[in-house]
PDB file of N, CA and C in Angstrom:
ATOM      1  N   UNK A   1     138.494  92.951  34.080  1.00  0.00           N
ATOM      2  CA  UNK A   1     136.936  92.918  34.760  1.00  0.00           C
ATOM      3  C   UNK A   1     137.269  92.483  36.090  1.00  0.00           C
ATOM      4  N   UNK A   2     136.647  92.999  37.092  1.00  0.00           N
ATOM      5  CA  UNK A   2     136.632  92.655  38.481  1.00  0.00           C
ATOM      6  C   UNK A   2     135.831  91.399  38.836  1.00  0.00           C
ATOM      7  N   UNK A   3     136.308  90.538  39.673  1.00  0.00           N
ATOM      8  CA  UNK A   3     135.405  89.411  39.848  1.00  0.00           C
ATOM      9  C   UNK A   3     133.891  89.741  40.315  1.00  0.00           C
ATOM     10  N   UNK A   4     133.729  90.823  40.921  1.00  0.00           N
ATOM     11  CA  UNK A   4     132.307  91.123  41.220  1.00  0.00           C
ATOM     12  C   UNK A   4     131.480  91.665  40.249  1.00  0.00           C
ATOM     13  N   UNK A   5     132.044  91.846  39.029  1.00  0.00           N
ATOM     14  CA  UNK A   5     131.473  92.288  37.783  1.00  0.00           C
ATOM     15  C   UNK A   5     131.193  91.155  36.862  1.00  0.00           C
ATOM     16  N   UNK A   6     131.711  89.890  37.180  1.00  0.00           N
ATOM     17  CA  UNK A   6     131.398  88.682  36.296  1.00  0.00           C
ATOM     18  C   UNK A   6     129.957  88.233  36.575  1.00  0.00           C
ATOM     19  N   UNK A   7     129.445  87.650  35.646  1.00  0.00           N
ATOM     20  CA  UNK A   7     127.926  87.073  35.790  1.00  0.00           C
ATOM     21  C   UNK A   7     128.227  85.626  36.017  1.00  0.00           C
ATOM     22  N   UNK A   8     127.324  85.047  36.778  1.00  0.00           N
ATOM     23  CA  UNK A   8     127.336  83.657  37.024  1.00  0.00           C
ATOM     24  C   UNK A   8     126.731  82.985  35.628  1.00  0.00           C
ATOM     25  N   UNK A   9     127.067  81.780  35.488  1.00  0.00           N
ATOM     26  CA  UNK A   9     126.504  80.952  34.210  1.00  0.00           C
ATOM     27  C   UNK A   9     125.121  81.228  34.127  1.00  0.00           C
ATOM     28  N   UNK A  10     124.378  81.210  35.073  1.00  0.00           N
ATOM     29  CA  UNK A  10     122.805  81.320  35.021  1.00  0.00           C
ATOM     30  C   UNK A  10     122.435  82.709  34.426  1.00  0.00           C
ATOM     31  N   UNK A  11     123.111  83.716  34.717  1.00  0.00           N
ATOM     32  CA  UNK A  11     122.873  84.923  34.259  1.00  0.00           C
ATOM     33  C   UNK A  11     123.365  85.403  32.985  1.00  0.00           C
ATOM     34  N   UNK A  12     124.292  84.503  32.341  1.00  0.00           N
ATOM     35  CA  UNK A  12     125.001  84.907  31.022  1.00  0.00           C
ATOM     36  C   UNK A  12     123.931  84.712  29.818  1.00  0.00           C
ATOM     37  N   UNK A  13     123.518  85.819  29.134  1.00  0.00           N
ATOM     38  CA  UNK A  13     122.577  85.821  28.087  1.00  0.00           C
ATOM     39  C   UNK A  13     123.449  85.723  26.750  1.00  0.00           C
ATOM     40  N   UNK A  14     122.690  85.148  25.654  1.00  0.00           N
ATOM     41  CA  UNK A  14     123.427  85.186  24.481  1.00  0.00           C
ATOM     42  C   UNK A  14     123.013  86.062  23.502  1.00  0.00           C
ATOM     43  N   UNK A  15     123.857  86.639  22.721  1.00  0.00           N
ATOM     44  CA  UNK A  15     123.679  87.657  21.622  1.00  0.00           C
ATOM     45  C   UNK A  15     124.348  87.184  20.286  1.00  0.00           C
ATOM     46  N   UNK A  16     123.911  88.003  19.182  1.00  0.00           N
ATOM     47  CA  UNK A  16     124.556  87.643  17.938  1.00  0.00           C
ATOM     48  C   UNK A  16     125.118  88.866  17.436  1.00  0.00           C
ATOM     49  N   UNK A  17     126.231  88.674  16.998  1.00  0.00           N
ATOM     50  CA  UNK A  17     127.206  89.797  16.405  1.00  0.00           C
ATOM     51  C   UNK A  17     126.473  90.180  15.106  1.00  0.00           C
ATOM     52  N   UNK A  18     126.025  91.473  15.042  1.00  0.00           N
ATOM     53  CA  UNK A  18     125.461  91.843  13.821  1.00  0.00           C
ATOM     54  C   UNK A  18     126.275  92.609  12.922  1.00  0.00           C
ATOM     55  N   UNK A  19     125.981  92.998  11.641  1.00  0.00           N
ATOM     56  CA  UNK A  19     126.785  93.652  10.858  1.00  0.00           C
ATOM     57  C   UNK A  19     127.116  95.151  11.356  1.00  0.00           C
ATOM     58  N   UNK A  20     128.476  95.683  11.174  1.00  0.00           N
ATOM     59  CA  UNK A  20     128.814  96.876  11.755  1.00  0.00           C
ATOM     60  C   UNK A  20     130.073  97.289  11.233  1.00  0.00           C
ATOM     61  N   UNK A  21     130.475  98.416  11.451  1.00  0.00           N
ATOM     62  CA  UNK A  21     131.665  99.045  10.730  1.00  0.00           C
ATOM     63  C   UNK A  21     133.074  98.631  11.278  1.00  0.00           C
ATOM     64  N   UNK A  22     132.958  97.981  12.593  1.00  0.00           N
ATOM     65  CA  UNK A  22     134.284  97.633  13.330  1.00  0.00           C
ATOM     66  C   UNK A  22     134.742  96.345  12.589  1.00  0.00           C
ATOM     67  N   UNK A  23     136.122  96.367  12.203  1.00  0.00           N
ATOM     68  CA  UNK A  23     136.563  95.193  11.556  1.00  0.00           C
ATOM     69  C   UNK A  23     137.473  94.540  12.710  1.00  0.00           C
ATOM     70  N   UNK A  24     137.654  94.975  14.057  1.00  0.00           N
ATOM     71  CA  UNK A  24     138.424  94.327  14.858  1.00  0.00           C
ATOM     72  C   UNK A  24     138.009  93.038  15.436  1.00  0.00           C
ATOM     73  N   UNK A  25     136.610  92.767  15.410  1.00  0.00           N
ATOM     74  CA  UNK A  25     135.978  91.574  15.949  1.00  0.00           C
ATOM     75  C   UNK A  25     136.487  90.338  15.154  1.00  0.00           C
ATOM     76  N   UNK A  26     136.443  90.643  13.787  1.00  0.00           N
ATOM     77  CA  UNK A  26     136.991  89.380  12.823  1.00  0.00           C
ATOM     78  C   UNK A  26     138.551  89.288  12.995  1.00  0.00           C
ATOM     79  N   UNK A  27     139.256  90.575  12.715  1.00  0.00           N
ATOM     80  CA  UNK A  27     140.606  90.588  12.608  1.00  0.00           C
ATOM     81  C   UNK A  27     141.319  90.055  13.760  1.00  0.00           C
ATOM     82  N   UNK A  28     140.809  90.500  14.996  1.00  0.00           N
ATOM     83  CA  UNK A  28     141.638  90.233  16.189  1.00  0.00           C
ATOM     84  C   UNK A  28     141.036  88.924  17.035  1.00  0.00           C
ATOM     85  N   UNK A  29     139.774  88.558  16.910  1.00  0.00           N
ATOM     86  CA  UNK A  29     139.069  87.485  17.716  1.00  0.00           C
ATOM     87  C   UNK A  29     138.650  86.279  16.679  1.00  0.00           C
ATOM     88  N   UNK A  30     138.522  86.678  15.285  1.00  0.00           N
ATOM     89  CA  UNK A  30     137.841  85.631  14.415  1.00  0.00           C
ATOM     90  C   UNK A  30     136.378  85.625  14.612  1.00  0.00           C
ATOM     91  N   UNK A  31     135.732  86.710  15.114  1.00  0.00           N
ATOM     92  CA  UNK A  31     134.230  86.573  15.252  1.00  0.00           C
ATOM     93  C   UNK A  31     133.683  87.260  13.978  1.00  0.00           C
ATOM     94  N   UNK A  32     132.920  86.627  13.213  1.00  0.00           N
ATOM     95  CA  UNK A  32     132.348  87.065  12.138  1.00  0.00           C
ATOM     96  C   UNK A  32     130.765  87.420  12.304  1.00  0.00           C
ATOM     97  N   UNK A  33     130.165  88.287  11.540  1.00  0.00           N
ATOM     98  CA  UNK A  33     128.840  88.713  11.633  1.00  0.00           C
ATOM     99  C   UNK A  33     127.977  87.090  11.734  1.00  0.00           C
ATOM    100  N   UNK A  34     126.934  87.273  12.824  1.00  0.00           N
ATOM    101  CA  UNK A  34     126.338  86.000  13.073  1.00  0.00           C
ATOM    102  C   UNK A  34     126.884  85.173  14.104  1.00  0.00           C
ATOM    103  N   UNK A  35     128.082  85.413  14.554  1.00  0.00           N
ATOM    104  CA  UNK A  35     128.595  84.658  15.750  1.00  0.00           C
ATOM    105  C   UNK A  35     127.792  84.841  16.832  1.00  0.00           C
ATOM    106  N   UNK A  36     127.556  83.786  17.593  1.00  0.00           N
ATOM    107  CA  UNK A  36     126.673  83.790  18.854  1.00  0.00           C
ATOM    108  C   UNK A  36     127.797  83.875  19.950  1.00  0.00           C
ATOM    109  N   UNK A  37     127.559  84.915  20.832  1.00  0.00           N
ATOM    110  CA  UNK A  37     128.240  85.337  21.914  1.00  0.00           C
ATOM    111  C   UNK A  37     127.586  85.136  23.198  1.00  0.00           C
ATOM    112  N   UNK A  38     128.221  85.085  24.334  1.00  0.00           N
ATOM    113  CA  UNK A  38     127.392  85.257  25.569  1.00  0.00           C
ATOM    114  C   UNK A  38     128.282  86.268  26.416  1.00  0.00           C
ATOM    115  N   UNK A  39     127.335  87.007  27.032  1.00  0.00           N
ATOM    116  CA  UNK A  39     127.897  88.208  27.984  1.00  0.00           C
ATOM    117  C   UNK A  39     128.296  87.636  29.291  1.00  0.00           C
ATOM    118  N   UNK A  40     129.514  87.945  29.581  1.00  0.00           N
ATOM    119  CA  UNK A  40     129.935  87.355  30.860  1.00  0.00           C
ATOM    120  C   UNK A  40     130.212  88.492  31.868  1.00  0.00           C
ATOM    121  N   UNK A  41     129.946  89.573  31.646  1.00  0.00           N
ATOM    122  CA  UNK A  41     130.044  90.734  32.697  1.00  0.00           C
ATOM    123  C   UNK A  41     128.774  91.728  32.737  1.00  0.00           C
ATOM    124  N   UNK A  42     128.816  92.565  33.563  1.00  0.00           N
ATOM    125  CA  UNK A  42     127.843  93.436  33.755  1.00  0.00           C
ATOM    126  C   UNK A  42     127.990  94.400  32.658  1.00  0.00           C
ATOM    127  N   UNK A  43     127.050  95.207  32.408  1.00  0.00           N
ATOM    128  CA  UNK A  43     127.119  96.267  31.445  1.00  0.00           C
ATOM    129  C   UNK A  43     127.813  97.409  31.903  1.00  0.00           C
ATOM    130  N   UNK A  44     128.734  98.134  31.157  1.00  0.00           N
ATOM    131  CA  UNK A  44     129.559  99.267  31.521  1.00  0.00           C
ATOM    132  C   UNK A  44     129.076 100.401  30.789  1.00  0.00           C
ATOM    133  N   UNK A  45     129.307 101.721  31.268  1.00  0.00           N
ATOM    134  CA  UNK A  45     128.975 102.739  30.541  1.00  0.00           C
ATOM    135  C   UNK A  45     129.603 103.120  29.156  1.00  0.00           C
ATOM    136  N   UNK A  46     129.370 104.049  28.492  1.00  0.00           N
ATOM    137  CA  UNK A  46     129.931 104.260  27.196  1.00  0.00           C
ATOM    138  C   UNK A  46     131.180 105.108  27.051  1.00  0.00           C
ATOM    139  N   UNK A  47     131.777 105.498  28.206  1.00  0.00           N
ATOM    140  CA  UNK A  47     132.913 106.420  28.157  1.00  0.00           C
ATOM    141  C   UNK A  47     132.712 107.482  27.455  1.00  0.00           C
ATOM    142  N   UNK A  48     131.652 108.241  27.449  1.00  0.00           N
ATOM    143  CA  UNK A  48     130.970 109.532  26.675  1.00  0.00           C
ATOM    144  C   UNK A  48     130.745 109.372  25.141  1.00  0.00           C
ATOM    145  N   UNK A  49     130.612 108.135  24.792  1.00  0.00           N
ATOM    146  CA  UNK A  49     130.306 107.984  23.325  1.00  0.00           C
ATOM    147  C   UNK A  49     128.922 107.855  22.930  1.00  0.00           C
ATOM    148  N   UNK A  50     128.064 108.148  24.048  1.00  0.00           N
ATOM    149  CA  UNK A  50     126.658 108.303  23.639  1.00  0.00           C
ATOM    150  C   UNK A  50     125.826 107.617  25.033  1.00  0.00           C
ATOM    151  N   UNK A  51     124.697 108.352  25.380  1.00  0.00           N
ATOM    152  CA  UNK A  51     123.932 107.581  26.581  1.00  0.00           C
ATOM    153  C   UNK A  51     123.427 106.449  26.377  1.00  0.00           C
ATOM    154  N   UNK A  52     123.205 105.956  25.122  1.00  0.00           N
ATOM    155  CA  UNK A  52     122.402 104.913  24.787  1.00  0.00           C
ATOM    156  C   UNK A  52     123.285 103.678  24.703  1.00  0.00           C
ATOM    157  N   UNK A  53     124.596 103.877  24.390  1.00  0.00           N
ATOM    158  CA  UNK A  53     125.726 102.794  24.141  1.00  0.00           C
ATOM    159  C   UNK A  53     126.053 102.445  25.509  1.00  0.00           C
ATOM    160  N   UNK A  54     126.307 101.068  25.430  1.00  0.00           N
ATOM    161  CA  UNK A  54     127.040 100.454  26.487  1.00  0.00           C
ATOM    162  C   UNK A  54     128.002  99.342  26.032  1.00  0.00           C
ATOM    163  N   UNK A  55     128.805  98.927  27.022  1.00  0.00           N
ATOM    164  CA  UNK A  55     129.666  97.881  26.621  1.00  0.00           C
ATOM    165  C   UNK A  55     129.909  96.800  27.721  1.00  0.00           C
ATOM    166  N   UNK A  56     130.291  95.578  27.322  1.00  0.00           N
ATOM    167  CA  UNK A  56     130.346  94.503  28.295  1.00  0.00           C
ATOM    168  C   UNK A  56     131.454  93.384  27.674  1.00  0.00           C
ATOM    169  N   UNK A  57     131.831  92.645  28.524  1.00  0.00           N
ATOM    170  CA  UNK A  57     132.851  91.523  28.065  1.00  0.00           C
ATOM    171  C   UNK A  57     131.911  90.256  27.605  1.00  0.00           C
ATOM    172  N   UNK A  58     132.403  89.807  26.488  1.00  0.00           N
ATOM    173  CA  UNK A  58     131.740  88.593  25.747  1.00  0.00           C
ATOM    174  C   UNK A  58     132.810  87.470  25.403  1.00  0.00           C
ATOM    175  N   UNK A  59     132.154  86.301  25.294  1.00  0.00           N
ATOM    176  CA  UNK A  59     133.035  85.103  24.659  1.00  0.00           C
ATOM    177  C   UNK A  59     132.137  84.298  23.788  1.00  0.00           C
ATOM    178  N   UNK A  60     132.696  83.565  22.934  1.00  0.00           N
ATOM    179  CA  UNK A  60     131.820  82.958  22.023  1.00  0.00           C
ATOM    180  C   UNK A  60     130.912  81.943  22.798  1.00  0.00           C
ATOM    181  N   UNK A  61     129.678  81.701  22.510  1.00  0.00           N
ATOM    182  CA  UNK A  61     128.699  80.793  23.240  1.00  0.00           C
ATOM    183  C   UNK A  61     129.155  79.365  23.302  1.00  0.00           C
ATOM    184  N   UNK A  62     129.758  78.972  22.239  1.00  0.00           N
ATOM    185  CA  UNK A  62     130.368  77.551  22.089  1.00  0.00           C
ATOM    186  C   UNK A  62     131.587  77.281  22.618  1.00  0.00           C
ATOM    187  N   UNK A  63     132.235  78.245  23.496  1.00  0.00           N
ATOM    188  CA  UNK A  63     133.714  78.279  23.753  1.00  0.00           C
ATOM    189  C   UNK A  63     133.679  78.144  25.314  1.00  0.00           C
ATOM    190  N   UNK A  64     134.766  77.511  25.770  1.00  0.00           N
ATOM    191  CA  UNK A  64     135.088  77.513  27.278  1.00  0.00           C
ATOM    192  C   UNK A  64     136.098  78.331  27.603  1.00  0.00           C
ATOM    193  N   UNK A  65     136.546  79.088  26.676  1.00  0.00           N
ATOM    194  CA  UNK A  65     137.750  80.101  26.863  1.00  0.00           C
ATOM    195  C   UNK A  65     137.383  80.922  28.069  1.00  0.00           C
ATOM    196  N   UNK A  66     138.538  81.394  28.740  1.00  0.00           N
ATOM    197  CA  UNK A  66     138.354  82.478  29.863  1.00  0.00           C
ATOM    198  C   UNK A  66     138.509  83.758  29.316  1.00  0.00           C
ATOM    199  N   UNK A  67     139.216  83.974  28.021  1.00  0.00           N
ATOM    200  CA  UNK A  67     139.611  85.103  27.487  1.00  0.00           C
ATOM    201  C   UNK A  67     138.311  85.991  26.983  1.00  0.00           C
ATOM    202  N   UNK A  68     138.068  87.024  27.577  1.00  0.00           N
ATOM    203  CA  UNK A  68     136.720  87.698  27.015  1.00  0.00           C
ATOM    204  C   UNK A  68     137.196  89.031  26.414  1.00  0.00           C
ATOM    205  N   UNK A  69     136.219  89.619  25.646  1.00  0.00           N
ATOM    206  CA  UNK A  69     136.656  90.918  24.903  1.00  0.00           C
ATOM    207  C   UNK A  69     135.460  91.826  24.958  1.00  0.00           C
ATOM    208  N   UNK A  70     135.582  93.057  24.942  1.00  0.00           N
ATOM    209  CA  UNK A  70     134.642  94.044  24.907  1.00  0.00           C
ATOM    210  C   UNK A  70     133.866  94.157  23.532  1.00  0.00           C
ATOM    211  N   UNK A  71     132.648  94.221  23.884  1.00  0.00           N
ATOM    212  CA  UNK A  71     131.731  94.404  22.659  1.00  0.00           C
ATOM    213  C   UNK A  71     130.650  95.432  22.871  1.00  0.00           C
ATOM    214  N   UNK A  72     130.334  96.366  21.972  1.00  0.00           N
ATOM    215  CA  UNK A  72     129.507  97.504  22.217  1.00  0.00           C
ATOM    216  C   UNK A  72     128.112  97.062  21.863  1.00  0.00           C
ATOM    217  N   UNK A  73     127.129  97.685  22.692  1.00  0.00           N
ATOM    218  CA  UNK A  73     125.866  97.165  22.615  1.00  0.00           C
ATOM    219  C   UNK A  73     125.208  97.314  21.250  1.00  0.00           C
ATOM    220  N   UNK A  74     125.526  98.368  20.379  1.00  0.00           N
ATOM    221  CA  UNK A  74     125.089  98.552  19.031  1.00  0.00           C
ATOM    222  C   UNK A  74     125.555  97.460  17.984  1.00  0.00           C
ATOM    223  N   UNK A  75     126.592  96.722  18.421  1.00  0.00           N
ATOM    224  CA  UNK A  75     127.005  95.734  17.474  1.00  0.00           C
ATOM    225  C   UNK A  75     126.482  94.353  17.633  1.00  0.00           C
ATOM    226  N   UNK A  76     125.647  94.190  18.590  1.00  0.00           N
ATOM    227  CA  UNK A  76     124.989  92.985  18.987  1.00  0.00           C
ATOM    228  C   UNK A  76     123.339  92.988  19.028  1.00  0.00           C
ATOM    229  N   UNK A  77     122.774  91.813  18.948  1.00  0.00           N
ATOM    230  CA  UNK A  77     121.335  91.819  19.351  1.00  0.00           C
ATOM    231  C   UNK A  77     121.058  90.457  20.246  1.00  0.00           C
ATOM    232  N   UNK A  78     120.198  90.716  20.946  1.00  0.00           N
ATOM    233  CA  UNK A  78     119.837  89.596  21.816  1.00  0.00           C
ATOM    234  C   UNK A  78     119.210  88.298  21.105  1.00  0.00           C
ATOM    235  N   UNK A  79     119.508  87.207  21.617  1.00  0.00           N
ATOM    236  CA  UNK A  79     118.811  85.982  21.168  1.00  0.00           C
ATOM    237  C   UNK A  79     117.451  85.876  21.942  1.00  0.00           C
ATOM    238  N   UNK A  80     116.432  85.811  21.166  1.00  0.00           N
ATOM    239  CA  UNK A  80     115.124  85.931  21.756  1.00  0.00           C
ATOM    240  C   UNK A  80     114.402  84.523  21.554  1.00  0.00           C
ATOM    241  N   UNK A  81     114.798  83.748  20.651  1.00  0.00           N
ATOM    242  CA  UNK A  81     114.125  82.498  20.334  1.00  0.00           C
ATOM    243  C   UNK A  81     112.918  82.722  19.440  1.00  0.00           C
ATOM    244  N   UNK A  82     112.755  83.986  19.014  1.00  0.00           N
ATOM    245  CA  UNK A  82     111.559  84.252  18.064  1.00  0.00           C
ATOM    246  C   UNK A  82     112.086  84.446  16.726  1.00  0.00           C
ATOM    247  N   UNK A  83     111.327  84.146  15.730  1.00  0.00           N
ATOM    248  CA  UNK A  83     111.694  84.534  14.291  1.00  0.00           C
ATOM    249  C   UNK A  83     111.467  85.894  13.944  1.00  0.00           C
ATOM    250  N   UNK A  84     112.410  86.454  13.045  1.00  0.00           N
ATOM    251  CA  UNK A  84     112.409  87.830  12.689  1.00  0.00           C
ATOM    252  C   UNK A  84     112.075  87.832  11.100  1.00  0.00           C
ATOM    253  N   UNK A  85     111.154  88.841  10.873  1.00  0.00           N
ATOM    254  CA  UNK A  85     110.863  89.077   9.381  1.00  0.00           C
ATOM    255  C   UNK A  85     111.093  90.377   9.111  1.00  0.00           C
ATOM    256  N   UNK A  86     111.673  90.509   7.836  1.00  0.00           N
ATOM    257  CA  UNK A  86     111.970  91.724   7.275  1.00  0.00           C
ATOM    258  C   UNK A  86     110.980  91.988   6.290  1.00  0.00           C
ATOM    259  N   UNK A  87     110.184  93.281   6.258  1.00  0.00           N
ATOM    260  CA  UNK A  87     109.233  93.620   5.401  1.00  0.00           C
ATOM    261  C   UNK A  87     109.700  94.726   4.387  1.00  0.00           C
TER     262      UNK A  87
END
């Protein structure tokens, strides 16, 4: 990631890792479903995988680590502070 693509701490939004078919998040980074992540980069294109998909660099929200990893936009949901109900 280029320095110009990094977000300032004030711009970093939190997301939750949701259930998906990718096993790399847990196997490689230790991130389980429900892990709260913060986005530390701008959104990038999908590399031809679909016009609605995006990817960005993320780190665990409770971590001060500098090492970030790519997460696809369909593997997370934004933290809104509102309750969700399933009917």
